[in-house]
């Protein structure tokens, strides 16, 4: 893949595949609360960036989205297919690689605050694109905020904190990320 200016090796693909699979598992752990369910995806998206860095984190979510686009049931409610990108969760899905890359900016940092800042910026990207897609579907910025952002703020805050604590702990191990 070097011809496209992308230097992707076997380790990149391996780590990306593991975190793509973890994101799928996070999607399957779902609590329906309306058009956008609560899932554990954010935990794994942010964690992929925290542990894998910008490139591998981004790639992990591209792997996840590609599997879903091809029809594998990796999205919430065990769904898959390109139509998911046109539905209420499409904006969130598109933001996943961006969010993982943003979270990846914390790699090499030693302070919890660095992880938290990049983690909150990452979910901010998810909220922005998800909200934007919902605005188009609902024709109401306020309604989109009400159903697609506000209910998720407390639980996603906890997910970012948990991901940061896991990442900091794992960085102290001998696991070669």
C-alpha atoms as a PDB file:
ATOM      1  CA  UNK A   1       0.000   0.000   0.000  1.00  0.00           C
ATOM      2  CA  UNK A   2       3.032   2.221  -0.137  1.00  0.00           C
ATOM      3  CA  UNK A   3       2.085   3.442  -3.617  1.00  0.00           C
ATOM      4  CA  UNK A   4      -0.622   5.636  -2.135  1.00  0.00           C
ATOM      5  CA  UNK A   5       1.741   7.165   0.381  1.00  0.00           C
ATOM      6  CA  UNK A   6       0.353   4.918   3.112  1.00  0.00           C
ATOM      7  CA  UNK A   7       2.896   2.877   4.981  1.00  0.00           C
ATOM      8  CA  UNK A   8       0.733   0.169   6.498  1.00  0.00           C
ATOM      9  CA  UNK A   9       2.401  -2.955   7.824  1.00  0.00           C
ATOM     10  CA  UNK A  10       1.203  -6.235   9.315  1.00  0.00           C
ATOM     11  CA  UNK A  11       1.257  -4.818  12.850  1.00  0.00           C
ATOM     12  CA  UNK A  12      -0.924  -1.894  11.746  1.00  0.00           C
ATOM     13  CA  UNK A  13      -3.458  -4.260  10.211  1.00  0.00           C
ATOM     14  CA  UNK A  14      -3.391  -6.592  13.217  1.00  0.00           C
ATOM     15  CA  UNK A  15      -3.919  -3.897  15.829  1.00  0.00           C
ATOM     16  CA  UNK A  16      -6.509  -2.136  13.675  1.00  0.00           C
ATOM     17  CA  UNK A  17      -8.422  -5.372  13.210  1.00  0.00           C
ATOM     18  CA  UNK A  18      -8.480  -6.099  16.940  1.00  0.00           C
ATOM     19  CA  UNK A  19      -9.833  -2.651  17.751  1.00  0.00           C
ATOM     20  CA  UNK A  20     -12.251  -2.776  14.828  1.00  0.00           C
ATOM     21  CA  UNK A  21     -13.603  -6.000  16.340  1.00  0.00           C
ATOM     22  CA  UNK A  22     -13.761  -4.440  19.815  1.00  0.00           C
ATOM     23  CA  UNK A  23     -15.740  -1.537  18.377  1.00  0.00           C
ATOM     24  CA  UNK A  24     -18.177  -4.049  16.858  1.00  0.00           C
ATOM     25  CA  UNK A  25     -18.571  -5.727  20.242  1.00  0.00           C
ATOM     26  CA  UNK A  26     -19.157  -2.289  21.736  1.00  0.00           C
ATOM     27  CA  UNK A  27     -21.892  -1.683  19.167  1.00  0.00           C
ATOM     28  CA  UNK A  28     -23.642  -4.899  20.092  1.00  0.00           C
ATOM     29  CA  UNK A  29     -23.798  -3.847  23.742  1.00  0.00           C
ATOM     30  CA  UNK A  30     -26.640  -1.457  23.113  1.00  0.00           C
ATOM     31  CA  UNK A  31     -29.371   0.265  25.088  1.00  0.00           C
ATOM     32  CA  UNK A  32     -32.083   1.704  22.835  1.00  0.00           C
ATOM     33  CA  UNK A  33     -33.207   5.152  23.949  1.00  0.00           C
ATOM     34  CA  UNK A  34     -34.560   6.478  20.666  1.00  0.00           C
ATOM     35  CA  UNK A  35     -33.106   6.933  17.213  1.00  0.00           C
ATOM     36  CA  UNK A  36     -29.541   6.781  18.569  1.00  0.00           C
ATOM     37  CA  UNK A  37     -28.797   3.970  21.051  1.00  0.00           C
ATOM     38  CA  UNK A  38     -26.325   4.034  23.911  1.00  0.00           C
ATOM     39  CA  UNK A  39     -23.450   1.680  23.072  1.00  0.00           C
ATOM     40  CA  UNK A  40     -19.907   1.025  24.232  1.00  0.00           C
ATOM     41  CA  UNK A  41     -18.466   2.077  20.871  1.00  0.00           C
ATOM     42  CA  UNK A  42     -17.132   5.390  22.185  1.00  0.00           C
ATOM     43  CA  UNK A  43     -15.122   3.533  24.820  1.00  0.00           C
ATOM     44  CA  UNK A  44     -13.345   1.431  22.191  1.00  0.00           C
ATOM     45  CA  UNK A  45     -13.001   4.232  19.643  1.00  0.00           C
ATOM     46  CA  UNK A  46     -11.278   6.489  22.155  1.00  0.00           C
ATOM     47  CA  UNK A  47      -9.256   3.607  23.572  1.00  0.00           C
ATOM     48  CA  UNK A  48      -8.087   2.675  20.064  1.00  0.00           C
ATOM     49  CA  UNK A  49      -6.660   6.156  19.655  1.00  0.00           C
ATOM     50  CA  UNK A  50      -5.176   6.238  23.151  1.00  0.00           C
ATOM     51  CA  UNK A  51      -3.370   2.923  22.663  1.00  0.00           C
ATOM     52  CA  UNK A  52      -2.705   2.757  18.943  1.00  0.00           C
ATOM     53  CA  UNK A  53      -1.994   6.362  18.070  1.00  0.00           C
ATOM     54  CA  UNK A  54      -3.308   8.528  15.276  1.00  0.00           C
ATOM     55  CA  UNK A  55      -2.677   6.249  12.270  1.00  0.00           C
ATOM     56  CA  UNK A  56      -3.575   2.888  13.784  1.00  0.00           C
ATOM     57  CA  UNK A  57      -6.526   4.314  15.696  1.00  0.00           C
ATOM     58  CA  UNK A  58      -7.879   5.870  12.501  1.00  0.00           C
ATOM     59  CA  UNK A  59      -7.256   2.635  10.608  1.00  0.00           C
ATOM     60  CA  UNK A  60      -9.052   0.567  13.268  1.00  0.00           C
ATOM     61  CA  UNK A  61     -12.238   2.535  12.708  1.00  0.00           C
ATOM     62  CA  UNK A  62     -11.876   2.358   8.932  1.00  0.00           C
ATOM     63  CA  UNK A  63     -11.687  -1.434   9.344  1.00  0.00           C
ATOM     64  CA  UNK A  64     -14.826  -1.351  11.482  1.00  0.00           C
ATOM     65  CA  UNK A  65     -16.764   0.879   9.081  1.00  0.00           C
ATOM     66  CA  UNK A  66     -15.621  -1.123   6.062  1.00  0.00           C
ATOM     67  CA  UNK A  67     -16.862  -4.353   7.616  1.00  0.00           C
ATOM     68  CA  UNK A  68     -20.214  -2.713   8.303  1.00  0.00           C
ATOM     69  CA  UNK A  69     -20.435  -1.152   4.850  1.00  0.00           C
ATOM     70  CA  UNK A  70     -19.832  -4.581   3.332  1.00  0.00           C
ATOM     71  CA  UNK A  71     -22.894  -5.847   5.181  1.00  0.00           C
ATOM     72  CA  UNK A  72     -21.356  -7.577   8.180  1.00  0.00           C
ATOM     73  CA  UNK A  73     -23.618  -7.068  11.223  1.00  0.00           C
ATOM     74  CA  UNK A  74     -21.113  -4.986  13.196  1.00  0.00           C
ATOM     75  CA  UNK A  75     -23.275  -1.913  13.839  1.00  0.00           C
ATOM     76  CA  UNK A  76     -25.719  -1.419  16.719  1.00  0.00           C
ATOM     77  CA  UNK A  77     -28.655  -3.844  16.749  1.00  0.00           C
ATOM     78  CA  UNK A  78     -26.495  -6.330  14.770  1.00  0.00           C
ATOM     79  CA  UNK A  79     -26.992  -4.409  11.529  1.00  0.00           C
ATOM     80  CA  UNK A  80     -24.702  -3.743   8.611  1.00  0.00           C
ATOM     81  CA  UNK A  81     -24.805  -2.320   5.129  1.00  0.00           C
ATOM     82  CA  UNK A  82     -24.193   0.988   3.442  1.00  0.00           C
ATOM     83  CA  UNK A  83     -27.690   2.209   4.364  1.00  0.00           C
ATOM     84  CA  UNK A  84     -26.509   2.719   7.964  1.00  0.00           C
ATOM     85  CA  UNK A  85     -24.504   5.717   6.758  1.00  0.00           C
ATOM     86  CA  UNK A  86     -27.695   7.382   5.534  1.00  0.00           C
ATOM     87  CA  UNK A  87     -29.725   6.796   8.700  1.00  0.00           C
ATOM     88  CA  UNK A  88     -29.817   8.615  12.031  1.00  0.00           C
ATOM     89  CA  UNK A  89     -26.477   7.207  13.173  1.00  0.00           C
ATOM     90  CA  UNK A  90     -24.639   7.880   9.907  1.00  0.00           C
ATOM     91  CA  UNK A  91     -22.937  11.055  11.092  1.00  0.00           C
ATOM     92  CA  UNK A  92     -21.652   9.344  14.194  1.00  0.00           C
ATOM     93  CA  UNK A  93     -20.275   6.454  12.155  1.00  0.00           C
ATOM     94  CA  UNK A  94     -18.437   8.750   9.752  1.00  0.00           C
ATOM     95  CA  UNK A  95     -16.828  10.503  12.731  1.00  0.00           C
ATOM     96  CA  UNK A  96     -15.375   7.349  14.283  1.00  0.00           C
ATOM     97  CA  UNK A  97     -12.032   7.354  12.405  1.00  0.00           C
ATOM     98  CA  UNK A  98     -11.614  11.073  13.053  1.00  0.00           C
ATOM     99  CA  UNK A  99     -12.349  10.578  16.754  1.00  0.00           C
ATOM    100  CA  UNK A 100      -9.841   7.741  17.060  1.00  0.00           C
ATOM    101  CA  UNK A 101      -7.188   9.848  15.336  1.00  0.00           C
ATOM    102  CA  UNK A 102      -7.865  12.791  17.644  1.00  0.00           C
ATOM    103  CA  UNK A 103      -7.645  10.539  20.704  1.00  0.00           C
ATOM    104  CA  UNK A 104      -4.379   9.219  19.271  1.00  0.00           C
ATOM    105  CA  UNK A 105      -2.783  12.605  19.756  1.00  0.00           C
ATOM    106  CA  UNK A 106      -2.359  11.645  23.420  1.00  0.00           C
ATOM    107  CA  UNK A 107       0.089   8.822  22.685  1.00  0.00           C
ATOM    108  CA  UNK A 108       3.322   9.397  24.541  1.00  0.00           C
ATOM    109  CA  UNK A 109       1.744  11.703  27.088  1.00  0.00           C
ATOM    110  CA  UNK A 110       2.063  10.807  30.725  1.00  0.00           C
ATOM    111  CA  UNK A 111      -0.648  12.960  32.270  1.00  0.00           C
ATOM    112  CA  UNK A 112      -4.261  11.970  32.685  1.00  0.00           C
ATOM    113  CA  UNK A 113      -5.255  15.473  31.602  1.00  0.00           C
ATOM    114  CA  UNK A 114      -3.730  14.919  28.133  1.00  0.00           C
ATOM    115  CA  UNK A 115      -5.814  11.790  27.667  1.00  0.00           C
ATOM    116  CA  UNK A 116      -8.954  13.487  28.909  1.00  0.00           C
ATOM    117  CA  UNK A 117      -8.500  16.515  26.654  1.00  0.00           C
ATOM    118  CA  UNK A 118      -7.996  14.444  23.513  1.00  0.00           C
ATOM    119  CA  UNK A 119     -10.758  12.052  24.580  1.00  0.00           C
ATOM    120  CA  UNK A 120     -13.263  14.871  24.996  1.00  0.00           C
ATOM    121  CA  UNK A 121     -12.177  16.428  21.699  1.00  0.00           C
ATOM    122  CA  UNK A 122     -12.687  13.021  20.083  1.00  0.00           C
ATOM    123  CA  UNK A 123     -16.246  12.654  21.335  1.00  0.00           C
ATOM    124  CA  UNK A 124     -16.815  16.274  20.378  1.00  0.00           C
ATOM    125  CA  UNK A 125     -16.067  15.291  16.777  1.00  0.00           C
ATOM    126  CA  UNK A 126     -18.510  12.387  17.047  1.00  0.00           C
ATOM    127  CA  UNK A 127     -21.198  14.630  18.503  1.00  0.00           C
ATOM    128  CA  UNK A 128     -20.656  17.337  15.881  1.00  0.00           C
ATOM    129  CA  UNK A 129     -20.977  15.041  12.878  1.00  0.00           C
ATOM    130  CA  UNK A 130     -23.718  12.953  14.486  1.00  0.00           C
ATOM    131  CA  UNK A 131     -25.689  16.051  15.419  1.00  0.00           C
ATOM    132  CA  UNK A 132     -25.228  17.470  11.923  1.00  0.00           C
ATOM    133  CA  UNK A 133     -26.672  14.345  10.327  1.00  0.00           C
ATOM    134  CA  UNK A 134     -29.610  14.373  12.732  1.00  0.00           C
ATOM    135  CA  UNK A 135     -30.289  18.041  11.935  1.00  0.00           C
ATOM    136  CA  UNK A 136     -30.686  17.060   8.279  1.00  0.00           C
ATOM    137  CA  UNK A 137     -33.065  14.233   9.166  1.00  0.00           C
ATOM    138  CA  UNK A 138     -35.090  16.016  11.845  1.00  0.00           C
ATOM    139  CA  UNK A 139     -35.025  19.525  10.352  1.00  0.00           C
ATOM    140  CA  UNK A 140     -34.375  20.892  13.821  1.00  0.00           C
ATOM    141  CA  UNK A 141     -31.007  21.690  15.430  1.00  0.00           C
ATOM    142  CA  UNK A 142     -32.661  21.764  18.853  1.00  0.00           C
ATOM    143  CA  UNK A 143     -34.358  18.385  18.449  1.00  0.00           C
ATOM    144  CA  UNK A 144     -31.130  16.877  17.104  1.00  0.00           C
ATOM    145  CA  UNK A 145     -29.271  18.158  20.175  1.00  0.00           C
ATOM    146  CA  UNK A 146     -32.022  16.819  22.420  1.00  0.00           C
ATOM    147  CA  UNK A 147     -31.993  13.283  20.991  1.00  0.00           C
ATOM    148  CA  UNK A 148     -28.447  12.945  19.680  1.00  0.00           C
ATOM    149  CA  UNK A 149     -26.118  14.697  22.101  1.00  0.00           C
ATOM    150  CA  UNK A 150     -27.509  15.661  25.509  1.00  0.00           C
ATOM    151  CA  UNK A 151     -28.581  12.149  26.632  1.00  0.00           C
ATOM    152  CA  UNK A 152     -25.083  10.838  25.894  1.00  0.00           C
ATOM    153  CA  UNK A 153     -22.967  13.449  27.671  1.00  0.00           C
ATOM    154  CA  UNK A 154     -22.856  11.814  31.141  1.00  0.00           C
ATOM    155  CA  UNK A 155     -22.256   8.244  29.959  1.00  0.00           C
ATOM    156  CA  UNK A 156     -19.695   9.268  27.326  1.00  0.00           C
ATOM    157  CA  UNK A 157     -17.855  11.312  29.916  1.00  0.00           C
ATOM    158  CA  UNK A 158     -17.532   8.167  32.007  1.00  0.00           C
ATOM    159  CA  UNK A 159     -16.395   6.172  28.949  1.00  0.00           C
ATOM    160  CA  UNK A 160     -13.626   8.670  28.202  1.00  0.00           C
ATOM    161  CA  UNK A 161     -12.434   8.603  31.812  1.00  0.00           C
ATOM    162  CA  UNK A 162     -12.453   4.788  31.857  1.00  0.00           C
ATOM    163  CA  UNK A 163     -10.619   4.635  28.511  1.00  0.00           C
ATOM    164  CA  UNK A 164      -8.008   7.102  29.786  1.00  0.00           C
ATOM    165  CA  UNK A 165      -7.430   5.090  32.961  1.00  0.00           C
ATOM    166  CA  UNK A 166      -7.165   1.836  30.981  1.00  0.00           C
ATOM    167  CA  UNK A 167      -4.745   3.400  28.505  1.00  0.00           C
ATOM    168  CA  UNK A 168      -2.529   4.836  31.217  1.00  0.00           C
ATOM    169  CA  UNK A 169      -2.459   1.488  32.985  1.00  0.00           C
ATOM    170  CA  UNK A 170      -1.724  -0.444  29.772  1.00  0.00           C
ATOM    171  CA  UNK A 171       1.047   1.983  28.803  1.00  0.00           C
ATOM    172  CA  UNK A 172       2.846   0.844  31.965  1.00  0.00           C
ATOM    173  CA  UNK A 173       2.792  -2.807  30.825  1.00  0.00           C
ATOM    174  CA  UNK A 174       5.038  -4.573  28.371  1.00  0.00           C
ATOM    175  CA  UNK A 175       2.322  -4.813  25.722  1.00  0.00           C
ATOM    176  CA  UNK A 176       3.980  -3.421  22.572  1.00  0.00           C
ATOM    177  CA  UNK A 177       1.530  -0.825  21.284  1.00  0.00           C
END
